């Protein structure tokens, strides 16, 4: 009986699965790459993850540059690693690249925007946190853990006296 049920489930999976293959090259995060409103302004959705004030999916104007985008999401948080920002494309560029590592150090020092990468619809931007910032953030948790251990050890010591 168990073998018959397994055979039916396996057959059903094979028959139904053949038509439902997802072609990752045709998969789109939204059905619309650009959105036009009543006054003719063109917008697009992008994703911002990581160490910024308001991560998530954002609707931005076409032509928005990286610094304006970071400003729109509230800017980077203290401890954001602005030397290793990652940008992932929904579709590869003409040169076949679908990911970039961006270093904003030159912009921060000079204000030069000439090397900025164009933001495309459905791009995902990831702003990491520096290691030192992660360690400092966790220091409070580690301190609390050690305090609890010390309290426990004192209780055990006093109860054995």
C-alpha atoms as a PDB file:
ATOM      1  CA  UNK A   1       0.000   0.000   0.000  1.00  0.00           C
ATOM      2  CA  UNK A   2       2.794   2.420   0.941  1.00  0.00           C
ATOM      3  CA  UNK A   3       4.579   1.630  -2.325  1.00  0.00           C
ATOM      4  CA  UNK A   4       1.438   2.348  -4.364  1.00  0.00           C
ATOM      5  CA  UNK A   5       0.931   5.721  -2.663  1.00  0.00           C
ATOM      6  CA  UNK A   6       4.604   6.600  -3.196  1.00  0.00           C
ATOM      7  CA  UNK A   7       4.339   5.605  -6.876  1.00  0.00           C
ATOM      8  CA  UNK A   8       1.216   7.771  -7.367  1.00  0.00           C
ATOM      9  CA  UNK A   9       2.863  10.787  -5.674  1.00  0.00           C
ATOM     10  CA  UNK A  10       6.057  10.352  -7.692  1.00  0.00           C
ATOM     11  CA  UNK A  11       4.122  10.022 -10.973  1.00  0.00           C
ATOM     12  CA  UNK A  12       2.024  13.081 -10.172  1.00  0.00           C
ATOM     13  CA  UNK A  13       5.161  15.103  -9.343  1.00  0.00           C
ATOM     14  CA  UNK A  14       6.915  14.116 -12.566  1.00  0.00           C
ATOM     15  CA  UNK A  15       3.867  14.822 -14.753  1.00  0.00           C
ATOM     16  CA  UNK A  16       3.117  18.192 -13.163  1.00  0.00           C
ATOM     17  CA  UNK A  17       6.706  19.287 -12.652  1.00  0.00           C
ATOM     18  CA  UNK A  18       7.663  19.157 -16.322  1.00  0.00           C
ATOM     19  CA  UNK A  19       5.504  22.161 -17.254  1.00  0.00           C
ATOM     20  CA  UNK A  20       6.341  24.251 -14.207  1.00  0.00           C
ATOM     21  CA  UNK A  21      10.088  24.667 -14.587  1.00  0.00           C
ATOM     22  CA  UNK A  22      11.227  28.168 -13.682  1.00  0.00           C
ATOM     23  CA  UNK A  23      13.586  29.724 -16.166  1.00  0.00           C
ATOM     24  CA  UNK A  24      15.741  31.916 -13.926  1.00  0.00           C
ATOM     25  CA  UNK A  25      16.710  34.115 -16.892  1.00  0.00           C
ATOM     26  CA  UNK A  26      13.075  35.086 -17.436  1.00  0.00           C
ATOM     27  CA  UNK A  27      12.185  35.495 -13.749  1.00  0.00           C
ATOM     28  CA  UNK A  28      11.381  39.093 -12.875  1.00  0.00           C
ATOM     29  CA  UNK A  29      10.881  40.585  -9.434  1.00  0.00           C
ATOM     30  CA  UNK A  30       7.968  42.594 -10.757  1.00  0.00           C
ATOM     31  CA  UNK A  31       6.000  42.526 -13.967  1.00  0.00           C
ATOM     32  CA  UNK A  32       6.838  46.167 -14.668  1.00  0.00           C
ATOM     33  CA  UNK A  33      10.397  47.389 -15.070  1.00  0.00           C
ATOM     34  CA  UNK A  34       9.361  51.053 -15.165  1.00  0.00           C
ATOM     35  CA  UNK A  35       6.321  52.781 -13.696  1.00  0.00           C
ATOM     36  CA  UNK A  36       4.916  55.985 -15.151  1.00  0.00           C
ATOM     37  CA  UNK A  37       2.559  58.184 -13.145  1.00  0.00           C
ATOM     38  CA  UNK A  38      -0.057  60.653 -14.394  1.00  0.00           C
ATOM     39  CA  UNK A  39       2.400  63.529 -14.875  1.00  0.00           C
ATOM     40  CA  UNK A  40       4.760  61.370 -16.969  1.00  0.00           C
ATOM     41  CA  UNK A  41       7.445  60.821 -14.321  1.00  0.00           C
ATOM     42  CA  UNK A  42       9.235  57.506 -14.764  1.00  0.00           C
ATOM     43  CA  UNK A  43      10.006  55.475 -11.633  1.00  0.00           C
ATOM     44  CA  UNK A  44      11.411  52.057 -10.871  1.00  0.00           C
ATOM     45  CA  UNK A  45      11.568  49.735  -7.887  1.00  0.00           C
ATOM     46  CA  UNK A  46      14.881  48.872  -6.287  1.00  0.00           C
ATOM     47  CA  UNK A  47      15.851  46.964  -3.154  1.00  0.00           C
ATOM     48  CA  UNK A  48      18.187  48.262  -0.478  1.00  0.00           C
ATOM     49  CA  UNK A  49      19.390  45.843   2.185  1.00  0.00           C
ATOM     50  CA  UNK A  50      21.803  46.109   5.030  1.00  0.00           C
ATOM     51  CA  UNK A  51      23.112  48.842   7.257  1.00  0.00           C
ATOM     52  CA  UNK A  52      20.876  51.768   6.216  1.00  0.00           C
ATOM     53  CA  UNK A  53      18.113  53.601   8.067  1.00  0.00           C
ATOM     54  CA  UNK A  54      15.177  52.231   6.013  1.00  0.00           C
ATOM     55  CA  UNK A  55      16.055  49.032   4.158  1.00  0.00           C
ATOM     56  CA  UNK A  56      13.513  47.439   1.856  1.00  0.00           C
ATOM     57  CA  UNK A  57      11.898  47.941  -1.520  1.00  0.00           C
ATOM     58  CA  UNK A  58      11.798  51.560  -2.679  1.00  0.00           C
ATOM     59  CA  UNK A  59      10.221  53.361  -5.630  1.00  0.00           C
ATOM     60  CA  UNK A  60      12.730  55.848  -7.047  1.00  0.00           C
ATOM     61  CA  UNK A  61      12.870  58.150 -10.057  1.00  0.00           C
ATOM     62  CA  UNK A  62      14.665  56.830 -13.119  1.00  0.00           C
ATOM     63  CA  UNK A  63      18.143  58.358 -13.238  1.00  0.00           C
ATOM     64  CA  UNK A  64      18.616  58.469  -9.461  1.00  0.00           C
ATOM     65  CA  UNK A  65      22.297  58.064  -8.650  1.00  0.00           C
ATOM     66  CA  UNK A  66      23.802  56.029  -5.815  1.00  0.00           C
ATOM     67  CA  UNK A  67      24.265  58.901  -3.352  1.00  0.00           C
ATOM     68  CA  UNK A  68      20.725  60.179  -3.926  1.00  0.00           C
ATOM     69  CA  UNK A  69      19.458  56.630  -3.413  1.00  0.00           C
ATOM     70  CA  UNK A  70      21.346  56.314  -0.130  1.00  0.00           C
ATOM     71  CA  UNK A  71      19.874  59.653   0.926  1.00  0.00           C
ATOM     72  CA  UNK A  72      16.348  58.506   0.025  1.00  0.00           C
ATOM     73  CA  UNK A  73      16.675  55.480   2.312  1.00  0.00           C
ATOM     74  CA  UNK A  74      17.789  57.673   5.209  1.00  0.00           C
ATOM     75  CA  UNK A  75      21.519  57.278   4.674  1.00  0.00           C
ATOM     76  CA  UNK A  76      23.908  54.666   5.965  1.00  0.00           C
ATOM     77  CA  UNK A  77      23.904  53.862   9.671  1.00  0.00           C
ATOM     78  CA  UNK A  78      27.003  54.443  11.789  1.00  0.00           C
ATOM     79  CA  UNK A  79      29.287  51.499  11.151  1.00  0.00           C
ATOM     80  CA  UNK A  80      28.227  50.940   7.534  1.00  0.00           C
ATOM     81  CA  UNK A  81      31.061  49.693   5.338  1.00  0.00           C
ATOM     82  CA  UNK A  82      30.951  52.158   2.443  1.00  0.00           C
ATOM     83  CA  UNK A  83      34.018  50.561   0.830  1.00  0.00           C
ATOM     84  CA  UNK A  84      32.282  47.246   0.061  1.00  0.00           C
ATOM     85  CA  UNK A  85      28.775  48.078  -1.136  1.00  0.00           C
ATOM     86  CA  UNK A  86      27.412  45.340  -3.397  1.00  0.00           C
ATOM     87  CA  UNK A  87      25.024  45.952  -6.295  1.00  0.00           C
ATOM     88  CA  UNK A  88      23.233  43.016  -7.938  1.00  0.00           C
ATOM     89  CA  UNK A  89      21.381  43.354 -11.237  1.00  0.00           C
ATOM     90  CA  UNK A  90      18.165  41.593 -12.141  1.00  0.00           C
ATOM     91  CA  UNK A  91      19.583  41.113 -15.642  1.00  0.00           C
ATOM     92  CA  UNK A  92      23.268  41.259 -16.663  1.00  0.00           C
ATOM     93  CA  UNK A  93      24.575  44.431 -18.324  1.00  0.00           C
ATOM     94  CA  UNK A  94      25.677  44.504 -21.960  1.00  0.00           C
ATOM     95  CA  UNK A  95      29.138  43.367 -20.828  1.00  0.00           C
ATOM     96  CA  UNK A  96      27.624  40.379 -18.987  1.00  0.00           C
ATOM     97  CA  UNK A  97      28.191  41.704 -15.445  1.00  0.00           C
ATOM     98  CA  UNK A  98      25.401  41.187 -12.953  1.00  0.00           C
ATOM     99  CA  UNK A  99      27.173  42.271  -9.762  1.00  0.00           C
ATOM    100  CA  UNK A 100      29.468  45.088  -8.706  1.00  0.00           C
ATOM    101  CA  UNK A 101      31.446  46.037  -5.608  1.00  0.00           C
ATOM    102  CA  UNK A 102      31.325  49.786  -5.015  1.00  0.00           C
ATOM    103  CA  UNK A 103      33.787  51.831  -2.954  1.00  0.00           C
ATOM    104  CA  UNK A 104      32.469  55.273  -1.995  1.00  0.00           C
ATOM    105  CA  UNK A 105      35.792  56.409  -0.466  1.00  0.00           C
ATOM    106  CA  UNK A 106      36.727  58.550  -3.506  1.00  0.00           C
ATOM    107  CA  UNK A 107      33.316  60.232  -3.491  1.00  0.00           C
ATOM    108  CA  UNK A 108      33.542  60.914   0.249  1.00  0.00           C
ATOM    109  CA  UNK A 109      36.969  62.542  -0.164  1.00  0.00           C
ATOM    110  CA  UNK A 110      36.402  64.480  -3.406  1.00  0.00           C
ATOM    111  CA  UNK A 111      32.680  64.523  -4.215  1.00  0.00           C
ATOM    112  CA  UNK A 112      33.478  62.977  -7.621  1.00  0.00           C
ATOM    113  CA  UNK A 113      30.465  61.091  -9.001  1.00  0.00           C
ATOM    114  CA  UNK A 114      32.053  60.165 -12.349  1.00  0.00           C
ATOM    115  CA  UNK A 115      32.571  56.489 -11.502  1.00  0.00           C
ATOM    116  CA  UNK A 116      29.034  55.835 -10.259  1.00  0.00           C
ATOM    117  CA  UNK A 117      27.171  52.865 -11.703  1.00  0.00           C
ATOM    118  CA  UNK A 118      23.725  53.542 -13.195  1.00  0.00           C
ATOM    119  CA  UNK A 119      20.890  52.174 -11.062  1.00  0.00           C
ATOM    120  CA  UNK A 120      18.551  49.906 -13.058  1.00  0.00           C
ATOM    121  CA  UNK A 121      15.052  48.623 -12.238  1.00  0.00           C
ATOM    122  CA  UNK A 122      14.949  45.814  -9.664  1.00  0.00           C
ATOM    123  CA  UNK A 123      18.602  46.265  -8.685  1.00  0.00           C
ATOM    124  CA  UNK A 124      19.487  45.152  -5.168  1.00  0.00           C
ATOM    125  CA  UNK A 125      21.977  47.222  -3.208  1.00  0.00           C
ATOM    126  CA  UNK A 126      23.549  45.693  -0.090  1.00  0.00           C
ATOM    127  CA  UNK A 127      25.344  47.928   2.400  1.00  0.00           C
ATOM    128  CA  UNK A 128      27.328  45.762   4.858  1.00  0.00           C
ATOM    129  CA  UNK A 129      28.291  46.589   8.419  1.00  0.00           C
ATOM    130  CA  UNK A 130      31.973  46.872   9.361  1.00  0.00           C
ATOM    131  CA  UNK A 131      33.393  44.098  11.553  1.00  0.00           C
ATOM    132  CA  UNK A 132      34.409  46.526  14.279  1.00  0.00           C
ATOM    133  CA  UNK A 133      30.866  47.891  14.378  1.00  0.00           C
ATOM    134  CA  UNK A 134      29.454  44.360  14.686  1.00  0.00           C
ATOM    135  CA  UNK A 135      31.814  43.575  17.573  1.00  0.00           C
ATOM    136  CA  UNK A 136      30.958  46.797  19.413  1.00  0.00           C
ATOM    137  CA  UNK A 137      27.242  46.142  18.887  1.00  0.00           C
ATOM    138  CA  UNK A 138      27.605  42.659  20.377  1.00  0.00           C
ATOM    139  CA  UNK A 139      29.699  43.842  23.341  1.00  0.00           C
ATOM    140  CA  UNK A 140      26.571  44.713  25.344  1.00  0.00           C
ATOM    141  CA  UNK A 141      25.152  41.214  24.835  1.00  0.00           C
ATOM    142  CA  UNK A 142      28.437  39.586  25.819  1.00  0.00           C
ATOM    143  CA  UNK A 143      28.648  41.788  28.916  1.00  0.00           C
ATOM    144  CA  UNK A 144      25.121  40.783  29.936  1.00  0.00           C
ATOM    145  CA  UNK A 145      25.955  37.094  29.453  1.00  0.00           C
ATOM    146  CA  UNK A 146      29.078  37.363  31.637  1.00  0.00           C
ATOM    147  CA  UNK A 147      27.103  39.232  34.307  1.00  0.00           C
ATOM    148  CA  UNK A 148      24.517  36.437  34.431  1.00  0.00           C
ATOM    149  CA  UNK A 149      27.272  33.824  34.686  1.00  0.00           C
ATOM    150  CA  UNK A 150      28.877  35.743  37.567  1.00  0.00           C
ATOM    151  CA  UNK A 151      25.535  36.023  39.399  1.00  0.00           C
ATOM    152  CA  UNK A 152      24.987  32.270  38.953  1.00  0.00           C
ATOM    153  CA  UNK A 153      28.493  31.459  40.235  1.00  0.00           C
ATOM    154  CA  UNK A 154      27.999  33.718  43.268  1.00  0.00           C
ATOM    155  CA  UNK A 155      24.688  32.018  44.095  1.00  0.00           C
ATOM    156  CA  UNK A 156      26.309  28.574  43.784  1.00  0.00           C
ATOM    157  CA  UNK A 157      29.288  29.680  45.902  1.00  0.00           C
ATOM    158  CA  UNK A 158      27.084  31.183  48.641  1.00  0.00           C
ATOM    159  CA  UNK A 159      24.743  28.192  48.731  1.00  0.00           C
ATOM    160  CA  UNK A 160      27.709  25.799  49.273  1.00  0.00           C
ATOM    161  CA  UNK A 161      29.034  27.725  52.305  1.00  0.00           C
END
